Amino acid sequence: MNKIFSKVFMWLCLGLLVTFGVAYTVSTNDNMVYNLFSGGKYLFVWIAELVVVILLSARIRKMNFMTAVILFLLYSGLTGFTLSSIFILYDITSIVWVFAITAGILLAFGLIGFLAKIDLTKFGVFLCMGVLAMLVAIIINMFVGSEVFDLALCIIGIVLFIGYIAYDVQVIKRNLYGIEDTDKLAIYGAFQLYLDFINIFLDLLRLFGGNNRD
Protein backbone atom coordinates (compact mmCIF):
# COMPACT_ATOMS: atom_id res chain seq x y z
CA MET A 1 0.00 0.00 0.00
CA ASN A 2 2.79 2.45 0.90
CA LYS A 3 4.49 1.55 -2.39
CA ILE A 4 1.37 2.53 -4.35
CA PHE A 5 1.06 5.88 -2.61
CA SER A 6 4.74 6.62 -3.09
CA LYS A 7 4.16 6.18 -6.82
CA VAL A 8 0.99 8.28 -6.67
CA PHE A 9 2.80 11.20 -5.07
CA MET A 10 5.81 10.80 -7.35
CA TRP A 11 3.61 11.19 -10.41
CA LEU A 12 1.65 13.99 -8.75
CA CYS A 13 4.86 15.93 -8.08
CA LEU A 14 6.04 15.35 -11.65
CA GLY A 15 2.72 16.54 -13.05
CA LEU A 16 2.80 19.70 -10.93
CA LEU A 17 6.43 20.33 -11.92
CA VAL A 18 5.49 20.11 -15.60
CA THR A 19 2.48 22.39 -15.10
CA PHE A 20 4.24 25.16 -13.25
CA GLY A 21 7.38 24.84 -15.37
CA VAL A 22 5.35 25.33 -18.55
CA ALA A 23 3.27 28.12 -16.98
CA TYR A 24 6.35 30.07 -15.87
CA THR A 25 8.14 29.57 -19.20
CA VAL A 26 5.15 30.80 -21.19
CA SER A 27 4.59 33.80 -18.90
CA THR A 28 8.17 35.02 -19.40
CA ASN A 29 7.91 34.91 -23.20
CA ASP A 30 5.89 37.84 -24.58
CA ASN A 31 5.43 36.19 -27.99
CA MET A 32 4.09 32.99 -26.45
CA VAL A 33 1.71 34.96 -24.22
CA TYR A 34 0.43 36.98 -27.17
CA ASN A 35 -0.01 33.90 -29.36
CA LEU A 36 -1.77 31.95 -26.60
CA PHE A 37 -4.28 34.64 -25.69
CA SER A 38 -5.08 35.79 -29.21
CA GLY A 39 -6.96 34.23 -32.08
CA GLY A 40 -8.86 31.69 -30.01
CA LYS A 41 -5.78 29.58 -29.22
CA TYR A 42 -6.56 29.63 -25.49
CA LEU A 43 -9.97 28.09 -26.21
CA PHE A 44 -8.32 25.41 -28.32
CA VAL A 45 -5.96 24.50 -25.44
CA TRP A 46 -8.89 24.43 -23.01
CA ILE A 47 -10.84 22.07 -25.31
CA ALA A 48 -7.75 19.84 -25.63
CA GLU A 49 -7.57 19.68 -21.81
CA LEU A 50 -11.21 18.61 -21.67
CA VAL A 51 -10.63 15.88 -24.25
CA VAL A 52 -7.67 14.48 -22.30
CA VAL A 53 -9.69 14.49 -19.05
CA ILE A 54 -12.46 12.52 -20.72
CA LEU A 55 -9.99 10.05 -22.24
CA LEU A 56 -8.22 9.42 -18.94
CA SER A 57 -11.45 9.10 -16.99
CA ALA A 58 -13.28 6.86 -19.44
CA ARG A 59 -10.53 4.78 -21.06
CA ILE A 60 -7.74 4.31 -18.52
CA ARG A 61 -8.83 0.76 -17.67
CA LYS A 62 -8.32 -0.26 -21.31
CA MET A 63 -5.25 1.79 -22.24
CA ASN A 64 -1.71 0.64 -21.51
CA PHE A 65 0.51 2.21 -18.88
CA MET A 66 2.63 4.28 -21.26
CA THR A 67 -0.46 5.79 -22.91
CA ALA A 68 -1.77 6.76 -19.46
CA VAL A 69 1.59 8.38 -18.62
CA ILE A 70 1.63 10.35 -21.90
CA LEU A 71 -1.93 11.59 -21.41
CA PHE A 72 -1.29 12.59 -17.79
CA LEU A 73 1.86 14.55 -18.69
CA LEU A 74 0.11 16.03 -21.74
CA TYR A 75 -2.72 17.24 -19.52
CA SER A 76 -0.20 18.68 -17.05
CA GLY A 77 1.51 20.56 -19.86
CA LEU A 78 -1.74 21.88 -21.34
CA THR A 79 -2.78 23.07 -17.88
CA GLY A 80 0.53 24.89 -17.68
CA PHE A 81 -0.42 26.88 -20.78
CA THR A 82 -3.79 27.86 -19.35
CA LEU A 83 -2.27 28.73 -15.95
CA SER A 84 0.50 30.89 -17.41
CA SER A 85 -1.65 33.95 -16.71
CA ILE A 86 -1.22 33.53 -12.93
CA PHE A 87 2.45 34.52 -13.25
CA ILE A 88 1.29 37.69 -14.96
CA LEU A 89 -1.58 38.53 -12.62
CA TYR A 90 -0.02 37.56 -9.28
CA ASP A 91 3.37 38.21 -7.73
CA ILE A 92 5.70 35.22 -7.44
CA THR A 93 5.82 35.36 -3.63
CA SER A 94 2.05 34.87 -3.42
CA ILE A 95 2.19 31.99 -5.87
CA VAL A 96 4.93 30.22 -3.89
CA TRP A 97 3.17 30.69 -0.54
CA VAL A 98 -0.21 29.56 -1.85
CA PHE A 99 1.45 26.55 -3.49
CA ALA A 100 3.05 25.61 -0.16
CA ILE A 101 -0.25 26.03 1.71
CA THR A 102 -2.06 23.90 -0.87
CA ALA A 103 0.61 21.20 -0.57
CA GLY A 104 0.13 21.22 3.21
CA ILE A 105 -3.63 20.88 2.81
CA LEU A 106 -3.16 17.99 0.39
CA LEU A 107 -0.86 16.13 2.76
CA ALA A 108 -3.04 16.77 5.83
CA PHE A 109 -6.35 15.73 4.32
CA GLY A 110 -4.75 12.95 2.31
CA LEU A 111 -3.55 11.50 5.62
CA ILE A 112 -7.04 11.90 7.06
CA GLY A 113 -8.48 10.01 4.11
CA PHE A 114 -5.87 7.27 4.46
CA LEU A 115 -6.39 6.79 8.21
CA ALA A 116 -10.15 7.41 8.41
CA LYS A 117 -12.14 4.47 9.73
CA ILE A 118 -15.44 5.74 8.39
CA ASP A 119 -16.41 5.07 4.78
CA LEU A 120 -15.80 8.37 2.97
CA THR A 121 -16.77 6.93 -0.39
CA LYS A 122 -20.46 7.29 0.46
CA PHE A 123 -19.97 11.06 0.24
CA GLY A 124 -18.83 10.83 -3.38
CA VAL A 125 -22.30 11.54 -4.79
CA PHE A 126 -22.71 14.62 -2.60
CA LEU A 127 -19.27 15.94 -3.56
CA CYS A 128 -20.06 15.44 -7.25
CA MET A 129 -23.42 17.19 -6.89
CA GLY A 130 -21.68 20.03 -5.05
CA VAL A 131 -19.15 20.51 -7.85
CA LEU A 132 -21.88 20.45 -10.51
CA ALA A 133 -23.92 23.01 -8.57
CA MET A 134 -20.82 25.18 -8.19
CA LEU A 135 -20.14 25.04 -11.95
CA VAL A 136 -23.71 26.20 -12.64
CA ALA A 137 -23.27 29.01 -10.10
CA ILE A 138 -19.98 30.07 -11.75
CA ILE A 139 -21.70 30.30 -15.14
CA ILE A 140 -24.51 32.36 -13.63
CA ASN A 141 -22.03 34.67 -11.93
CA MET A 142 -20.28 35.27 -15.26
CA PHE A 143 -23.39 37.24 -16.20
CA VAL A 144 -24.15 38.66 -12.75
CA GLY A 145 -20.58 39.70 -11.93
CA SER A 146 -21.01 39.72 -8.14
CA GLU A 147 -17.71 39.92 -6.21
CA VAL A 148 -19.40 38.67 -3.02
CA PHE A 149 -20.82 35.68 -4.90
CA ASP A 150 -17.42 35.02 -6.41
CA LEU A 151 -15.82 35.06 -2.96
CA ALA A 152 -18.42 32.59 -1.68
CA LEU A 153 -17.79 30.30 -4.65
CA CYS A 154 -14.04 30.32 -3.91
CA ILE A 155 -14.65 29.25 -0.32
CA ILE A 156 -17.16 26.58 -1.34
CA GLY A 157 -14.74 25.29 -3.97
CA ILE A 158 -11.94 24.98 -1.43
CA VAL A 159 -14.19 23.05 0.97
CA LEU A 160 -15.44 20.72 -1.76
CA PHE A 161 -12.02 19.84 -3.13
CA ILE A 162 -10.57 19.39 0.35
CA GLY A 163 -13.32 16.81 0.79
CA TYR A 164 -12.34 15.28 -2.53
CA ILE A 165 -8.73 14.86 -1.36
CA ALA A 166 -9.76 12.65 1.57
CA TYR A 167 -12.29 10.87 -0.64
CA ASP A 168 -9.84 10.20 -3.49
CA VAL A 169 -7.12 8.91 -1.15
CA GLN A 170 -9.54 6.43 0.42
CA VAL A 171 -10.75 5.34 -3.02
CA ILE A 172 -7.14 4.76 -4.10
CA LYS A 173 -6.43 2.85 -0.87
CA ARG A 174 -9.38 0.55 -1.45
CA ASN A 175 -8.76 0.49 -5.21
CA LEU A 176 -12.39 1.29 -5.95
CA TYR A 177 -11.32 2.47 -9.39
CA GLY A 178 -11.04 -1.21 -10.29
CA ILE A 179 -7.63 -0.81 -11.98
CA GLU A 180 -5.61 -3.98 -11.44
CA ASP A 181 -2.31 -2.60 -12.78
CA THR A 182 -0.77 -0.82 -9.76
CA ASP A 183 1.41 1.42 -11.95
CA LYS A 184 -1.65 2.55 -13.90
CA LEU A 185 -3.60 2.96 -10.65
CA ALA A 186 -0.82 5.25 -9.41
CA ILE A 187 -1.10 7.40 -12.54
CA TYR A 188 -4.87 7.70 -12.24
CA GLY A 189 -4.68 8.37 -8.51
CA ALA A 190 -2.11 11.10 -9.16
CA PHE A 191 -4.42 12.54 -11.82
CA GLN A 192 -7.35 12.73 -9.40
CA LEU A 193 -5.26 14.38 -6.66
CA TYR A 194 -3.74 16.70 -9.26
CA LEU A 195 -7.22 18.01 -10.12
CA ASP A 196 -7.96 18.54 -6.42
CA PHE A 197 -4.66 20.37 -5.91
CA ILE A 198 -5.07 22.71 -8.88
CA ASN A 199 -8.62 23.68 -7.95
CA ILE A 200 -7.71 24.43 -4.32
CA PHE A 201 -4.58 26.30 -5.40
CA LEU A 202 -6.49 28.56 -7.80
CA ASP A 203 -9.24 29.35 -5.30
CA LEU A 204 -6.70 30.16 -2.57
CA LEU A 205 -4.75 32.32 -4.99
CA ARG A 206 -7.89 34.26 -5.90
CA LEU A 207 -8.60 34.80 -2.20
CA PHE A 208 -5.14 35.64 -0.90
CA GLY A 209 -2.84 36.23 -3.86
CA GLY A 210 -1.06 39.58 -4.16
CA ASN A 211 -1.83 41.22 -7.48
CA ASN A 212 1.00 42.27 -9.77
CA ARG A 213 -1.03 45.27 -10.88
CA ASP A 214 -0.83 46.62 -7.35
C-alpha atoms as a PDB file:
ATOM      1  CA  MET A   1       0.000   0.000   0.000  1.00  0.00           C
ATOM      2  CA  ASN A   2       2.785   2.453   0.903  1.00  0.00           C
ATOM      3  CA  LYS A   3       4.490   1.552  -2.393  1.00  0.00           C
ATOM      4  CA  ILE A   4       1.373   2.526  -4.349  1.00  0.00           C
ATOM      5  CA  PHE A   5       1.062   5.875  -2.609  1.00  0.00           C
ATOM      6  CA  SER A   6       4.743   6.620  -3.086  1.00  0.00           C
ATOM      7  CA  LYS A   7       4.163   6.178  -6.820  1.00  0.00           C
ATOM      8  CA  VAL A   8       0.994   8.282  -6.671  1.00  0.00           C
ATOM      9  CA  PHE A   9       2.802  11.199  -5.067  1.00  0.00           C
ATOM     10  CA  MET A  10       5.813  10.795  -7.346  1.00  0.00           C
ATOM     11  CA  TRP A  11       3.609  11.188 -10.411  1.00  0.00           C
ATOM     12  CA  LEU A  12       1.648  13.986  -8.749  1.00  0.00           C
ATOM     13  CA  CYS A  13       4.857  15.930  -8.082  1.00  0.00           C
ATOM     14  CA  LEU A  14       6.045  15.347 -11.647  1.00  0.00           C
ATOM     15  CA  GLY A  15       2.718  16.543 -13.048  1.00  0.00           C
ATOM     16  CA  LEU A  16       2.800  19.700 -10.927  1.00  0.00           C
ATOM     17  CA  LEU A  17       6.426  20.325 -11.923  1.00  0.00           C
ATOM     18  CA  VAL A  18       5.486  20.106 -15.601  1.00  0.00           C
ATOM     19  CA  THR A  19       2.477  22.389 -15.104  1.00  0.00           C
ATOM     20  CA  PHE A  20       4.243  25.164 -13.246  1.00  0.00           C
ATOM     21  CA  GLY A  21       7.380  24.838 -15.366  1.00  0.00           C
ATOM     22  CA  VAL A  22       5.351  25.326 -18.549  1.00  0.00           C
ATOM     23  CA  ALA A  23       3.270  28.121 -16.979  1.00  0.00           C
ATOM     24  CA  TYR A  24       6.351  30.068 -15.875  1.00  0.00           C
ATOM     25  CA  THR A  25       8.142  29.565 -19.197  1.00  0.00           C
ATOM     26  CA  VAL A  26       5.148  30.795 -21.193  1.00  0.00           C
ATOM     27  CA  SER A  27       4.586  33.796 -18.902  1.00  0.00           C
ATOM     28  CA  THR A  28       8.166  35.016 -19.402  1.00  0.00           C
ATOM     29  CA  ASN A  29       7.911  34.906 -23.195  1.00  0.00           C
ATOM     30  CA  ASP A  30       5.894  37.839 -24.582  1.00  0.00           C
ATOM     31  CA  ASN A  31       5.425  36.194 -27.986  1.00  0.00           C
ATOM     32  CA  MET A  32       4.092  32.986 -26.447  1.00  0.00           C
ATOM     33  CA  VAL A  33       1.710  34.958 -24.216  1.00  0.00           C
ATOM     34  CA  TYR A  34       0.431  36.979 -27.171  1.00  0.00           C
ATOM     35  CA  ASN A  35      -0.009  33.902 -29.364  1.00  0.00           C
ATOM     36  CA  LEU A  36      -1.766  31.948 -26.595  1.00  0.00           C
ATOM     37  CA  PHE A  37      -4.278  34.639 -25.689  1.00  0.00           C
ATOM     38  CA  SER A  38      -5.079  35.788 -29.211  1.00  0.00           C
ATOM     39  CA  GLY A  39      -6.958  34.226 -32.080  1.00  0.00           C
ATOM     40  CA  GLY A  40      -8.861  31.687 -30.009  1.00  0.00           C
ATOM     41  CA  LYS A  41      -5.782  29.575 -29.221  1.00  0.00           C
ATOM     42  CA  TYR A  42      -6.563  29.627 -25.486  1.00  0.00           C
ATOM     43  CA  LEU A  43      -9.974  28.089 -26.206  1.00  0.00           C
ATOM     44  CA  PHE A  44      -8.318  25.411 -28.323  1.00  0.00           C
ATOM     45  CA  VAL A  45      -5.964  24.502 -25.445  1.00  0.00           C
ATOM     46  CA  TRP A  46      -8.889  24.427 -23.007  1.00  0.00           C
ATOM     47  CA  ILE A  47     -10.835  22.068 -25.314  1.00  0.00           C
ATOM     48  CA  ALA A  48      -7.751  19.841 -25.628  1.00  0.00           C
ATOM     49  CA  GLU A  49      -7.574  19.676 -21.812  1.00  0.00           C
ATOM     50  CA  LEU A  50     -11.210  18.612 -21.675  1.00  0.00           C
ATOM     51  CA  VAL A  51     -10.633  15.877 -24.249  1.00  0.00           C
ATOM     52  CA  VAL A  52      -7.674  14.476 -22.304  1.00  0.00           C
ATOM     53  CA  VAL A  53      -9.685  14.494 -19.053  1.00  0.00           C
ATOM     54  CA  ILE A  54     -12.461  12.517 -20.719  1.00  0.00           C
ATOM     55  CA  LEU A  55      -9.993  10.046 -22.241  1.00  0.00           C
ATOM     56  CA  LEU A  56      -8.219   9.422 -18.937  1.00  0.00           C
ATOM     57  CA  SER A  57     -11.454   9.098 -16.986  1.00  0.00           C
ATOM     58  CA  ALA A  58     -13.278   6.864 -19.439  1.00  0.00           C
ATOM     59  CA  ARG A  59     -10.530   4.776 -21.061  1.00  0.00           C
ATOM     60  CA  ILE A  60      -7.736   4.306 -18.520  1.00  0.00           C
ATOM     61  CA  ARG A  61      -8.832   0.759 -17.669  1.00  0.00           C
ATOM     62  CA  LYS A  62      -8.318  -0.263 -21.310  1.00  0.00           C
ATOM     63  CA  MET A  63      -5.246   1.790 -22.241  1.00  0.00           C
ATOM     64  CA  ASN A  64      -1.710   0.643 -21.513  1.00  0.00           C
ATOM     65  CA  PHE A  65       0.514   2.208 -18.878  1.00  0.00           C
ATOM     66  CA  MET A  66       2.628   4.280 -21.261  1.00  0.00           C
ATOM     67  CA  THR A  67      -0.462   5.788 -22.910  1.00  0.00           C
ATOM     68  CA  ALA A  68      -1.769   6.763 -19.457  1.00  0.00           C
ATOM     69  CA  VAL A  69       1.587   8.384 -18.625  1.00  0.00           C
ATOM     70  CA  ILE A  70       1.632  10.353 -21.897  1.00  0.00           C
ATOM     71  CA  LEU A  71      -1.931  11.590 -21.413  1.00  0.00           C
ATOM     72  CA  PHE A  72      -1.286  12.594 -17.794  1.00  0.00           C
ATOM     73  CA  LEU A  73       1.857  14.548 -18.685  1.00  0.00           C
ATOM     74  CA  LEU A  74       0.107  16.028 -21.739  1.00  0.00           C
ATOM     75  CA  TYR A  75      -2.720  17.239 -19.523  1.00  0.00           C
ATOM     76  CA  SER A  76      -0.203  18.676 -17.051  1.00  0.00           C
ATOM     77  CA  GLY A  77       1.511  20.564 -19.856  1.00  0.00           C
ATOM     78  CA  LEU A  78      -1.738  21.884 -21.335  1.00  0.00           C
ATOM     79  CA  THR A  79      -2.783  23.068 -17.879  1.00  0.00           C
ATOM     80  CA  GLY A  80       0.531  24.889 -17.682  1.00  0.00           C
ATOM     81  CA  PHE A  81      -0.420  26.876 -20.781  1.00  0.00           C
ATOM     82  CA  THR A  82      -3.789  27.859 -19.346  1.00  0.00           C
ATOM     83  CA  LEU A  83      -2.268  28.726 -15.946  1.00  0.00           C
ATOM     84  CA  SER A  84       0.499  30.892 -17.414  1.00  0.00           C
ATOM     85  CA  SER A  85      -1.645  33.948 -16.709  1.00  0.00           C
ATOM     86  CA  ILE A  86      -1.219  33.531 -12.934  1.00  0.00           C
ATOM     87  CA  PHE A  87       2.447  34.520 -13.247  1.00  0.00           C
ATOM     88  CA  ILE A  88       1.292  37.694 -14.964  1.00  0.00           C
ATOM     89  CA  LEU A  89      -1.576  38.531 -12.625  1.00  0.00           C
ATOM     90  CA  TYR A  90      -0.020  37.562  -9.281  1.00  0.00           C
ATOM     91  CA  ASP A  91       3.368  38.205  -7.734  1.00  0.00           C
ATOM     92  CA  ILE A  92       5.697  35.222  -7.438  1.00  0.00           C
ATOM     93  CA  THR A  93       5.823  35.361  -3.626  1.00  0.00           C
ATOM     94  CA  SER A  94       2.051  34.870  -3.417  1.00  0.00           C
ATOM     95  CA  ILE A  95       2.190  31.986  -5.865  1.00  0.00           C
ATOM     96  CA  VAL A  96       4.925  30.218  -3.886  1.00  0.00           C
ATOM     97  CA  TRP A  97       3.167  30.692  -0.537  1.00  0.00           C
ATOM     98  CA  VAL A  98      -0.213  29.561  -1.852  1.00  0.00           C
ATOM     99  CA  PHE A  99       1.449  26.554  -3.495  1.00  0.00           C
ATOM    100  CA  ALA A 100       3.047  25.614  -0.160  1.00  0.00           C
ATOM    101  CA  ILE A 101      -0.245  26.032   1.708  1.00  0.00           C
ATOM    102  CA  THR A 102      -2.059  23.900  -0.870  1.00  0.00           C
ATOM    103  CA  ALA A 103       0.608  21.197  -0.565  1.00  0.00           C
ATOM    104  CA  GLY A 104       0.130  21.221   3.214  1.00  0.00           C
ATOM    105  CA  ILE A 105      -3.633  20.879   2.812  1.00  0.00           C
ATOM    106  CA  LEU A 106      -3.159  17.990   0.389  1.00  0.00           C
ATOM    107  CA  LEU A 107      -0.864  16.128   2.759  1.00  0.00           C
ATOM    108  CA  ALA A 108      -3.037  16.768   5.833  1.00  0.00           C
ATOM    109  CA  PHE A 109      -6.350  15.734   4.325  1.00  0.00           C
ATOM    110  CA  GLY A 110      -4.750  12.951   2.314  1.00  0.00           C
ATOM    111  CA  LEU A 111      -3.554  11.503   5.620  1.00  0.00           C
ATOM    112  CA  ILE A 112      -7.039  11.904   7.064  1.00  0.00           C
ATOM    113  CA  GLY A 113      -8.480  10.015   4.111  1.00  0.00           C
ATOM    114  CA  PHE A 114      -5.866   7.272   4.464  1.00  0.00           C
ATOM    115  CA  LEU A 115      -6.394   6.788   8.209  1.00  0.00           C
ATOM    116  CA  ALA A 116     -10.148   7.412   8.413  1.00  0.00           C
ATOM    117  CA  LYS A 117     -12.139   4.473   9.732  1.00  0.00           C
ATOM    118  CA  ILE A 118     -15.445   5.741   8.388  1.00  0.00           C
ATOM    119  CA  ASP A 119     -16.412   5.072   4.779  1.00  0.00           C
ATOM    120  CA  LEU A 120     -15.803   8.369   2.974  1.00  0.00           C
ATOM    121  CA  THR A 121     -16.775   6.926  -0.389  1.00  0.00           C
ATOM    122  CA  LYS A 122     -20.460   7.287   0.459  1.00  0.00           C
ATOM    123  CA  PHE A 123     -19.970  11.055   0.242  1.00  0.00           C
ATOM    124  CA  GLY A 124     -18.833  10.834  -3.383  1.00  0.00           C
ATOM    125  CA  VAL A 125     -22.300  11.539  -4.789  1.00  0.00           C
ATOM    126  CA  PHE A 126     -22.713  14.623  -2.595  1.00  0.00           C
ATOM    127  CA  LEU A 127     -19.267  15.938  -3.564  1.00  0.00           C
ATOM    128  CA  CYS A 128     -20.063  15.438  -7.248  1.00  0.00           C
ATOM    129  CA  MET A 129     -23.421  17.191  -6.891  1.00  0.00           C
ATOM    130  CA  GLY A 130     -21.683  20.034  -5.054  1.00  0.00           C
ATOM    131  CA  VAL A 131     -19.147  20.509  -7.848  1.00  0.00           C
ATOM    132  CA  LEU A 132     -21.876  20.452 -10.511  1.00  0.00           C
ATOM    133  CA  ALA A 133     -23.915  23.013  -8.571  1.00  0.00           C
ATOM    134  CA  MET A 134     -20.816  25.179  -8.194  1.00  0.00           C
ATOM    135  CA  LEU A 135     -20.143  25.039 -11.954  1.00  0.00           C
ATOM    136  CA  VAL A 136     -23.708  26.200 -12.639  1.00  0.00           C
ATOM    137  CA  ALA A 137     -23.268  29.008 -10.101  1.00  0.00           C
ATOM    138  CA  ILE A 138     -19.980  30.065 -11.752  1.00  0.00           C
ATOM    139  CA  ILE A 139     -21.704  30.299 -15.144  1.00  0.00           C
ATOM    140  CA  ILE A 140     -24.512  32.364 -13.626  1.00  0.00           C
ATOM    141  CA  ASN A 141     -22.034  34.668 -11.928  1.00  0.00           C
ATOM    142  CA  MET A 142     -20.283  35.272 -15.259  1.00  0.00           C
ATOM    143  CA  PHE A 143     -23.393  37.239 -16.203  1.00  0.00           C
ATOM    144  CA  VAL A 144     -24.145  38.662 -12.746  1.00  0.00           C
ATOM    145  CA  GLY A 145     -20.577  39.695 -11.930  1.00  0.00           C
ATOM    146  CA  SER A 146     -21.012  39.716  -8.140  1.00  0.00           C
ATOM    147  CA  GLU A 147     -17.713  39.915  -6.214  1.00  0.00           C
ATOM    148  CA  VAL A 148     -19.397  38.672  -3.024  1.00  0.00           C
ATOM    149  CA  PHE A 149     -20.823  35.679  -4.895  1.00  0.00           C
ATOM    150  CA  ASP A 150     -17.416  35.020  -6.414  1.00  0.00           C
ATOM    151  CA  LEU A 151     -15.819  35.063  -2.956  1.00  0.00           C
ATOM    152  CA  ALA A 152     -18.416  32.594  -1.681  1.00  0.00           C
ATOM    153  CA  LEU A 153     -17.787  30.299  -4.646  1.00  0.00           C
ATOM    154  CA  CYS A 154     -14.043  30.324  -3.910  1.00  0.00           C
ATOM    155  CA  ILE A 155     -14.654  29.249  -0.320  1.00  0.00           C
ATOM    156  CA  ILE A 156     -17.162  26.583  -1.343  1.00  0.00           C
ATOM    157  CA  GLY A 157     -14.735  25.292  -3.974  1.00  0.00           C
ATOM    158  CA  ILE A 158     -11.937  24.983  -1.427  1.00  0.00           C
ATOM    159  CA  VAL A 159     -14.187  23.047   0.974  1.00  0.00           C
ATOM    160  CA  LEU A 160     -15.444  20.721  -1.763  1.00  0.00           C
ATOM    161  CA  PHE A 161     -12.019  19.841  -3.128  1.00  0.00           C
ATOM    162  CA  ILE A 162     -10.568  19.392   0.355  1.00  0.00           C
ATOM    163  CA  GLY A 163     -13.316  16.805   0.793  1.00  0.00           C
ATOM    164  CA  TYR A 164     -12.343  15.285  -2.535  1.00  0.00           C
ATOM    165  CA  ILE A 165      -8.725  14.859  -1.355  1.00  0.00           C
ATOM    166  CA  ALA A 166      -9.758  12.647   1.566  1.00  0.00           C
ATOM    167  CA  TYR A 167     -12.295  10.866  -0.636  1.00  0.00           C
ATOM    168  CA  ASP A 168      -9.839  10.195  -3.488  1.00  0.00           C
ATOM    169  CA  VAL A 169      -7.117   8.909  -1.152  1.00  0.00           C
ATOM    170  CA  GLN A 170      -9.539   6.430   0.415  1.00  0.00           C
ATOM    171  CA  VAL A 171     -10.748   5.343  -3.024  1.00  0.00           C
ATOM    172  CA  ILE A 172      -7.138   4.757  -4.102  1.00  0.00           C
ATOM    173  CA  LYS A 173      -6.432   2.855  -0.867  1.00  0.00           C
ATOM    174  CA  ARG A 174      -9.383   0.548  -1.445  1.00  0.00           C
ATOM    175  CA  ASN A 175      -8.761   0.491  -5.205  1.00  0.00           C
ATOM    176  CA  LEU A 176     -12.386   1.286  -5.952  1.00  0.00           C
ATOM    177  CA  TYR A 177     -11.316   2.475  -9.393  1.00  0.00           C
ATOM    178  CA  GLY A 178     -11.044  -1.208 -10.285  1.00  0.00           C
ATOM    179  CA  ILE A 179      -7.635  -0.806 -11.976  1.00  0.00           C
ATOM    180  CA  GLU A 180      -5.606  -3.978 -11.436  1.00  0.00           C
ATOM    181  CA  ASP A 181      -2.310  -2.600 -12.785  1.00  0.00           C
ATOM    182  CA  THR A 182      -0.766  -0.824  -9.762  1.00  0.00           C
ATOM    183  CA  ASP A 183       1.406   1.416 -11.953  1.00  0.00           C
ATOM    184  CA  LYS A 184      -1.649   2.548 -13.899  1.00  0.00           C
ATOM    185  CA  LEU A 185      -3.599   2.965 -10.651  1.00  0.00           C
ATOM    186  CA  ALA A 186      -0.815   5.247  -9.407  1.00  0.00           C
ATOM    187  CA  ILE A 187      -1.103   7.397 -12.544  1.00  0.00           C
ATOM    188  CA  TYR A 188      -4.870   7.695 -12.245  1.00  0.00           C
ATOM    189  CA  GLY A 189      -4.677   8.368  -8.509  1.00  0.00           C
ATOM    190  CA  ALA A 190      -2.115  11.100  -9.158  1.00  0.00           C
ATOM    191  CA  PHE A 191      -4.419  12.542 -11.825  1.00  0.00           C
ATOM    192  CA  GLN A 192      -7.353  12.733  -9.403  1.00  0.00           C
ATOM    193  CA  LEU A 193      -5.263  14.377  -6.660  1.00  0.00           C
ATOM    194  CA  TYR A 194      -3.741  16.698  -9.260  1.00  0.00           C
ATOM    195  CA  LEU A 195      -7.215  18.006 -10.122  1.00  0.00           C
ATOM    196  CA  ASP A 196      -7.962  18.542  -6.415  1.00  0.00           C
ATOM    197  CA  PHE A 197      -4.658  20.369  -5.912  1.00  0.00           C
ATOM    198  CA  ILE A 198      -5.068  22.713  -8.884  1.00  0.00           C
ATOM    199  CA  ASN A 199      -8.624  23.676  -7.947  1.00  0.00           C
ATOM    200  CA  ILE A 200      -7.712  24.431  -4.323  1.00  0.00           C
ATOM    201  CA  PHE A 201      -4.578  26.303  -5.404  1.00  0.00           C
ATOM    202  CA  LEU A 202      -6.493  28.560  -7.805  1.00  0.00           C
ATOM    203  CA  ASP A 203      -9.241  29.352  -5.296  1.00  0.00           C
ATOM    204  CA  LEU A 204      -6.702  30.156  -2.566  1.00  0.00           C
ATOM    205  CA  LEU A 205      -4.752  32.323  -4.993  1.00  0.00           C
ATOM    206  CA  ARG A 206      -7.893  34.256  -5.897  1.00  0.00           C
ATOM    207  CA  LEU A 207      -8.600  34.803  -2.199  1.00  0.00           C
ATOM    208  CA  PHE A 208      -5.137  35.644  -0.903  1.00  0.00           C
ATOM    209  CA  GLY A 209      -2.836  36.229  -3.861  1.00  0.00           C
ATOM    210  CA  GLY A 210      -1.056  39.585  -4.164  1.00  0.00           C
ATOM    211  CA  ASN A 211      -1.834  41.219  -7.477  1.00  0.00           C
ATOM    212  CA  ASN A 212       1.000  42.271  -9.769  1.00  0.00           C
ATOM    213  CA  ARG A 213      -1.030  45.269 -10.880  1.00  0.00           C
ATOM    214  CA  ASP A 214      -0.827  46.619  -7.349  1.00  0.00           C
END
